[in-house]
Amino acid sequence: MLRLVLSLMLCVTAMPSFAQTSDKEIDCGHQADVAAAIVEARLNRVAERKLPEELAKTATWPEKYNVLIPIFAPHFYEQKRGDLESQDIRGSTFEQCMSLQK
């Protein structure tokens, strides 16, 4: 979980255009959507190397959020699938993002 928090902090600080060009709730919602889609792909046994192509097929977020995939993916792919099933990844990612200061 610490890695996810650090990744979110990196995203917010490394890409200030995300925070400056969009409302924080919308931005955090898109980040949470990306994280949830990665977990869903992990649960469906999508290989990590094929993740960007698979998520591009069903992405509901703006294209600029695709840069989060290689940042978030290692965190979720090093966890056991069974551990991911019981977590509300979208909700926890959204809450963590909203708690970060702009």
N, C-alpha and C. Protein backbone atom coordinates (compact mmCIF):
# COMPACT_ATOMS: atom_id res chain seq x y z
N MET A 1 0.83 -1.18 0.00
CA MET A 1 0.00 0.00 0.00
C MET A 1 0.87 1.25 0.00
N LEU A 2 2.01 1.15 0.66
CA LEU A 2 2.93 2.29 0.69
C LEU A 2 3.42 2.62 -0.71
N ARG A 3 3.68 1.58 -1.51
CA ARG A 3 4.12 1.81 -2.89
C ARG A 3 3.06 2.54 -3.69
N LEU A 4 1.80 2.19 -3.47
CA LEU A 4 0.72 2.85 -4.19
C LEU A 4 0.63 4.32 -3.80
N VAL A 5 0.75 4.60 -2.52
CA VAL A 5 0.71 5.99 -2.06
C VAL A 5 1.87 6.77 -2.65
N LEU A 6 3.05 6.16 -2.64
CA LEU A 6 4.22 6.83 -3.22
C LEU A 6 4.04 7.04 -4.72
N SER A 7 3.45 6.06 -5.39
CA SER A 7 3.20 6.20 -6.83
C SER A 7 2.23 7.34 -7.11
N LEU A 8 1.17 7.41 -6.29
CA LEU A 8 0.21 8.49 -6.47
C LEU A 8 0.86 9.85 -6.24
N MET A 9 1.70 9.93 -5.22
CA MET A 9 2.39 11.19 -4.95
C MET A 9 3.31 11.55 -6.11
N LEU A 10 3.98 10.56 -6.67
CA LEU A 10 4.85 10.79 -7.82
C LEU A 10 4.05 11.31 -9.00
N CYS A 11 2.89 10.73 -9.22
CA CYS A 11 2.04 11.16 -10.33
C CYS A 11 1.62 12.61 -10.18
N VAL A 12 1.24 12.96 -8.98
CA VAL A 12 0.77 14.33 -8.75
C VAL A 12 1.91 15.33 -8.88
N THR A 13 3.09 14.97 -8.40
CA THR A 13 4.21 15.91 -8.46
C THR A 13 4.93 15.89 -9.80
N ALA A 14 5.00 14.74 -10.45
CA ALA A 14 5.73 14.64 -11.70
C ALA A 14 4.92 15.14 -12.88
N MET A 15 3.62 15.16 -12.75
CA MET A 15 2.77 15.60 -13.85
C MET A 15 1.85 16.71 -13.36
N PRO A 16 2.38 17.89 -13.14
CA PRO A 16 1.53 18.97 -12.61
C PRO A 16 0.41 19.36 -13.55
N SER A 17 0.53 19.04 -14.82
CA SER A 17 -0.54 19.39 -15.75
C SER A 17 -1.83 18.66 -15.40
N PHE A 18 -1.73 17.48 -14.77
CA PHE A 18 -2.94 16.77 -14.36
C PHE A 18 -3.70 17.61 -13.34
N ALA A 19 -3.01 18.09 -12.33
CA ALA A 19 -3.64 18.82 -11.25
C ALA A 19 -4.08 20.21 -11.70
N GLN A 20 -3.37 20.81 -12.63
CA GLN A 20 -3.67 22.16 -13.04
C GLN A 20 -4.78 22.24 -14.08
N THR A 21 -4.91 21.25 -14.92
CA THR A 21 -5.86 21.34 -16.02
C THR A 21 -7.20 20.69 -15.74
N SER A 22 -7.34 19.99 -14.65
CA SER A 22 -8.62 19.33 -14.38
C SER A 22 -9.01 19.47 -12.92
N ASP A 23 -10.27 19.37 -12.68
CA ASP A 23 -10.80 19.37 -11.33
C ASP A 23 -10.24 18.16 -10.58
N LYS A 24 -9.93 18.35 -9.31
CA LYS A 24 -9.30 17.29 -8.53
C LYS A 24 -10.15 16.02 -8.46
N GLU A 25 -11.44 16.16 -8.30
CA GLU A 25 -12.29 14.97 -8.23
C GLU A 25 -12.30 14.20 -9.54
N ILE A 26 -12.34 14.90 -10.65
CA ILE A 26 -12.31 14.24 -11.96
C ILE A 26 -10.97 13.56 -12.16
N ASP A 27 -9.90 14.26 -11.82
CA ASP A 27 -8.56 13.71 -11.96
C ASP A 27 -8.40 12.45 -11.11
N CYS A 28 -8.81 12.52 -9.86
CA CYS A 28 -8.70 11.37 -8.98
C CYS A 28 -9.59 10.22 -9.45
N GLY A 29 -10.74 10.56 -10.01
CA GLY A 29 -11.62 9.53 -10.55
C GLY A 29 -10.98 8.78 -11.70
N HIS A 30 -10.32 9.51 -12.58
CA HIS A 30 -9.63 8.86 -13.70
C HIS A 30 -8.47 7.99 -13.20
N GLN A 31 -7.73 8.49 -12.22
CA GLN A 31 -6.65 7.69 -11.66
C GLN A 31 -7.19 6.42 -11.01
N ALA A 32 -8.30 6.54 -10.31
CA ALA A 32 -8.91 5.38 -9.68
C ALA A 32 -9.43 4.39 -10.73
N ASP A 33 -9.95 4.91 -11.83
CA ASP A 33 -10.41 4.04 -12.92
C ASP A 33 -9.26 3.24 -13.51
N VAL A 34 -8.12 3.90 -13.68
CA VAL A 34 -6.94 3.20 -14.21
C VAL A 34 -6.51 2.10 -13.25
N ALA A 35 -6.42 2.42 -11.97
CA ALA A 35 -6.02 1.42 -10.98
C ALA A 35 -7.00 0.24 -10.96
N ALA A 36 -8.29 0.53 -10.99
CA ALA A 36 -9.29 -0.54 -10.97
C ALA A 36 -9.21 -1.41 -12.23
N ALA A 37 -8.94 -0.79 -13.36
CA ALA A 37 -8.82 -1.55 -14.61
C ALA A 37 -7.59 -2.45 -14.58
N ILE A 38 -6.51 -1.97 -13.99
CA ILE A 38 -5.31 -2.80 -13.87
C ILE A 38 -5.59 -4.01 -12.99
N VAL A 39 -6.27 -3.79 -11.88
CA VAL A 39 -6.60 -4.90 -10.99
C VAL A 39 -7.53 -5.89 -11.69
N GLU A 40 -8.51 -5.37 -12.40
CA GLU A 40 -9.43 -6.26 -13.15
C GLU A 40 -8.66 -7.10 -14.16
N ALA A 41 -7.72 -6.48 -14.85
CA ALA A 41 -6.90 -7.22 -15.82
C ALA A 41 -6.05 -8.27 -15.10
N ARG A 42 -5.52 -7.92 -13.96
CA ARG A 42 -4.71 -8.85 -13.16
C ARG A 42 -5.56 -10.04 -12.74
N LEU A 43 -6.78 -9.78 -12.31
CA LEU A 43 -7.67 -10.87 -11.91
C LEU A 43 -8.07 -11.74 -13.09
N ASN A 44 -8.08 -11.16 -14.29
CA ASN A 44 -8.40 -11.91 -15.51
C ASN A 44 -7.17 -12.53 -16.15
N ARG A 45 -6.06 -12.51 -15.44
CA ARG A 45 -4.81 -13.15 -15.86
C ARG A 45 -4.19 -12.55 -17.12
N VAL A 46 -4.36 -11.25 -17.31
CA VAL A 46 -3.70 -10.56 -18.42
C VAL A 46 -2.24 -10.38 -18.03
N ALA A 47 -1.33 -10.74 -18.92
CA ALA A 47 0.10 -10.59 -18.64
C ALA A 47 0.45 -9.10 -18.51
N GLU A 48 1.36 -8.80 -17.60
CA GLU A 48 1.72 -7.40 -17.35
C GLU A 48 2.26 -6.73 -18.61
N ARG A 49 3.01 -7.46 -19.42
CA ARG A 49 3.57 -6.86 -20.64
C ARG A 49 2.50 -6.53 -21.68
N LYS A 50 1.34 -7.19 -21.60
CA LYS A 50 0.24 -6.94 -22.54
C LYS A 50 -0.79 -5.95 -21.99
N LEU A 51 -0.56 -5.49 -20.78
CA LEU A 51 -1.52 -4.64 -20.09
C LEU A 51 -1.88 -3.36 -20.85
N PRO A 52 -0.91 -2.58 -21.35
CA PRO A 52 -1.28 -1.34 -22.05
C PRO A 52 -2.19 -1.58 -23.26
N GLU A 53 -1.92 -2.61 -24.03
CA GLU A 53 -2.76 -2.90 -25.19
C GLU A 53 -4.17 -3.34 -24.78
N GLU A 54 -4.24 -4.16 -23.75
CA GLU A 54 -5.55 -4.65 -23.29
C GLU A 54 -6.40 -3.52 -22.71
N LEU A 55 -5.78 -2.65 -21.92
CA LEU A 55 -6.54 -1.56 -21.32
C LEU A 55 -6.95 -0.52 -22.35
N ALA A 56 -6.16 -0.37 -23.39
CA ALA A 56 -6.50 0.59 -24.45
C ALA A 56 -7.79 0.21 -25.15
N LYS A 57 -8.11 -1.08 -25.17
CA LYS A 57 -9.33 -1.55 -25.84
C LYS A 57 -10.60 -1.09 -25.13
N THR A 58 -10.53 -0.93 -23.82
CA THR A 58 -11.73 -0.61 -23.04
C THR A 58 -11.60 0.65 -22.20
N ALA A 59 -10.57 1.43 -22.42
CA ALA A 59 -10.31 2.61 -21.59
C ALA A 59 -11.47 3.60 -21.64
N THR A 60 -11.86 4.07 -20.46
CA THR A 60 -12.92 5.08 -20.35
C THR A 60 -12.36 6.42 -19.90
N TRP A 61 -11.08 6.49 -19.71
CA TRP A 61 -10.42 7.70 -19.25
C TRP A 61 -9.70 8.37 -20.42
N PRO A 62 -9.38 9.66 -20.28
CA PRO A 62 -8.62 10.35 -21.33
C PRO A 62 -7.25 9.70 -21.54
N GLU A 63 -6.76 9.78 -22.75
CA GLU A 63 -5.53 9.09 -23.12
C GLU A 63 -4.33 9.48 -22.26
N LYS A 64 -4.29 10.70 -21.78
CA LYS A 64 -3.14 11.14 -20.99
C LYS A 64 -2.96 10.34 -19.71
N TYR A 65 -4.00 9.69 -19.24
CA TYR A 65 -3.91 8.88 -18.02
C TYR A 65 -3.28 7.52 -18.27
N ASN A 66 -3.03 7.17 -19.50
CA ASN A 66 -2.36 5.90 -19.81
C ASN A 66 -0.93 5.86 -19.28
N VAL A 67 -0.33 7.02 -19.01
CA VAL A 67 1.03 7.04 -18.46
C VAL A 67 1.05 6.45 -17.05
N LEU A 68 -0.10 6.33 -16.41
CA LEU A 68 -0.17 5.76 -15.07
C LEU A 68 -0.05 4.24 -15.08
N ILE A 69 -0.34 3.62 -16.21
CA ILE A 69 -0.35 2.16 -16.27
C ILE A 69 1.00 1.56 -15.85
N PRO A 70 2.12 1.98 -16.45
CA PRO A 70 3.39 1.38 -16.01
C PRO A 70 3.82 1.80 -14.60
N ILE A 71 3.22 2.85 -14.08
CA ILE A 71 3.54 3.27 -12.70
C ILE A 71 2.76 2.42 -11.70
N PHE A 72 1.48 2.20 -11.95
CA PHE A 72 0.63 1.44 -11.03
C PHE A 72 0.78 -0.08 -11.17
N ALA A 73 1.01 -0.57 -12.37
CA ALA A 73 0.97 -2.01 -12.65
C ALA A 73 1.91 -2.84 -11.76
N PRO A 74 3.17 -2.46 -11.60
CA PRO A 74 4.04 -3.33 -10.79
C PRO A 74 3.52 -3.56 -9.37
N HIS A 75 2.91 -2.55 -8.79
CA HIS A 75 2.37 -2.70 -7.43
C HIS A 75 1.31 -3.79 -7.39
N PHE A 76 0.41 -3.79 -8.35
CA PHE A 76 -0.69 -4.76 -8.35
C PHE A 76 -0.25 -6.13 -8.85
N TYR A 77 0.72 -6.19 -9.73
CA TYR A 77 1.16 -7.47 -10.27
C TYR A 77 2.08 -8.22 -9.31
N GLU A 78 2.63 -7.57 -8.31
CA GLU A 78 3.44 -8.30 -7.35
C GLU A 78 2.58 -8.87 -6.22
N GLN A 79 1.31 -8.51 -6.19
CA GLN A 79 0.39 -9.05 -5.18
C GLN A 79 -0.30 -10.30 -5.72
N LYS A 80 -0.73 -11.15 -4.81
CA LYS A 80 -1.48 -12.33 -5.20
C LYS A 80 -2.88 -11.90 -5.64
N ARG A 81 -3.40 -12.60 -6.64
CA ARG A 81 -4.74 -12.26 -7.14
C ARG A 81 -5.79 -12.39 -6.05
N GLY A 82 -5.67 -13.39 -5.22
CA GLY A 82 -6.64 -13.59 -4.14
C GLY A 82 -6.68 -12.41 -3.17
N ASP A 83 -5.54 -11.80 -2.95
CA ASP A 83 -5.49 -10.63 -2.07
C ASP A 83 -6.18 -9.43 -2.71
N LEU A 84 -6.11 -9.33 -4.02
CA LEU A 84 -6.71 -8.19 -4.72
C LEU A 84 -8.23 -8.28 -4.80
N GLU A 85 -8.76 -9.49 -4.78
CA GLU A 85 -10.20 -9.68 -4.92
C GLU A 85 -10.99 -9.02 -3.80
N SER A 86 -10.44 -9.01 -2.61
CA SER A 86 -11.18 -8.50 -1.46
C SER A 86 -10.99 -7.00 -1.22
N GLN A 87 -10.24 -6.33 -2.08
CA GLN A 87 -9.97 -4.90 -1.88
C GLN A 87 -10.81 -4.03 -2.81
N ASP A 88 -11.18 -2.86 -2.31
CA ASP A 88 -11.87 -1.86 -3.14
C ASP A 88 -10.79 -0.92 -3.66
N ILE A 89 -10.15 -1.32 -4.74
CA ILE A 89 -9.01 -0.57 -5.27
C ILE A 89 -9.46 0.79 -5.77
N ARG A 90 -10.57 0.84 -6.48
CA ARG A 90 -11.02 2.12 -7.01
C ARG A 90 -11.29 3.10 -5.87
N GLY A 91 -12.00 2.65 -4.86
CA GLY A 91 -12.33 3.52 -3.74
C GLY A 91 -11.11 3.97 -2.95
N SER A 92 -10.21 3.06 -2.68
CA SER A 92 -9.03 3.44 -1.89
C SER A 92 -8.09 4.34 -2.70
N THR A 93 -7.96 4.10 -4.00
CA THR A 93 -7.12 4.97 -4.83
C THR A 93 -7.71 6.36 -4.90
N PHE A 94 -9.03 6.45 -5.06
CA PHE A 94 -9.69 7.75 -5.11
C PHE A 94 -9.49 8.51 -3.80
N GLU A 95 -9.68 7.84 -2.68
CA GLU A 95 -9.53 8.49 -1.38
C GLU A 95 -8.10 8.96 -1.16
N GLN A 96 -7.12 8.13 -1.52
CA GLN A 96 -5.72 8.52 -1.37
C GLN A 96 -5.38 9.72 -2.23
N CYS A 97 -5.86 9.72 -3.44
CA CYS A 97 -5.61 10.83 -4.34
C CYS A 97 -6.24 12.12 -3.80
N MET A 98 -7.47 12.03 -3.33
CA MET A 98 -8.16 13.21 -2.82
C MET A 98 -7.48 13.76 -1.55
N SER A 99 -6.84 12.88 -0.80
CA SER A 99 -6.20 13.33 0.44
C SER A 99 -4.87 14.05 0.18
N LEU A 100 -4.31 13.89 -1.01
CA LEU A 100 -3.07 14.59 -1.34
C LEU A 100 -3.35 16.06 -1.59
N GLN A 101 -2.46 16.89 -1.13
CA GLN A 101 -2.63 18.32 -1.36
C GLN A 101 -2.25 18.67 -2.78
N LYS A 102 -2.93 19.64 -3.30
CA LYS A 102 -2.65 20.09 -4.66
C LYS A 102 -1.36 20.83 -4.72
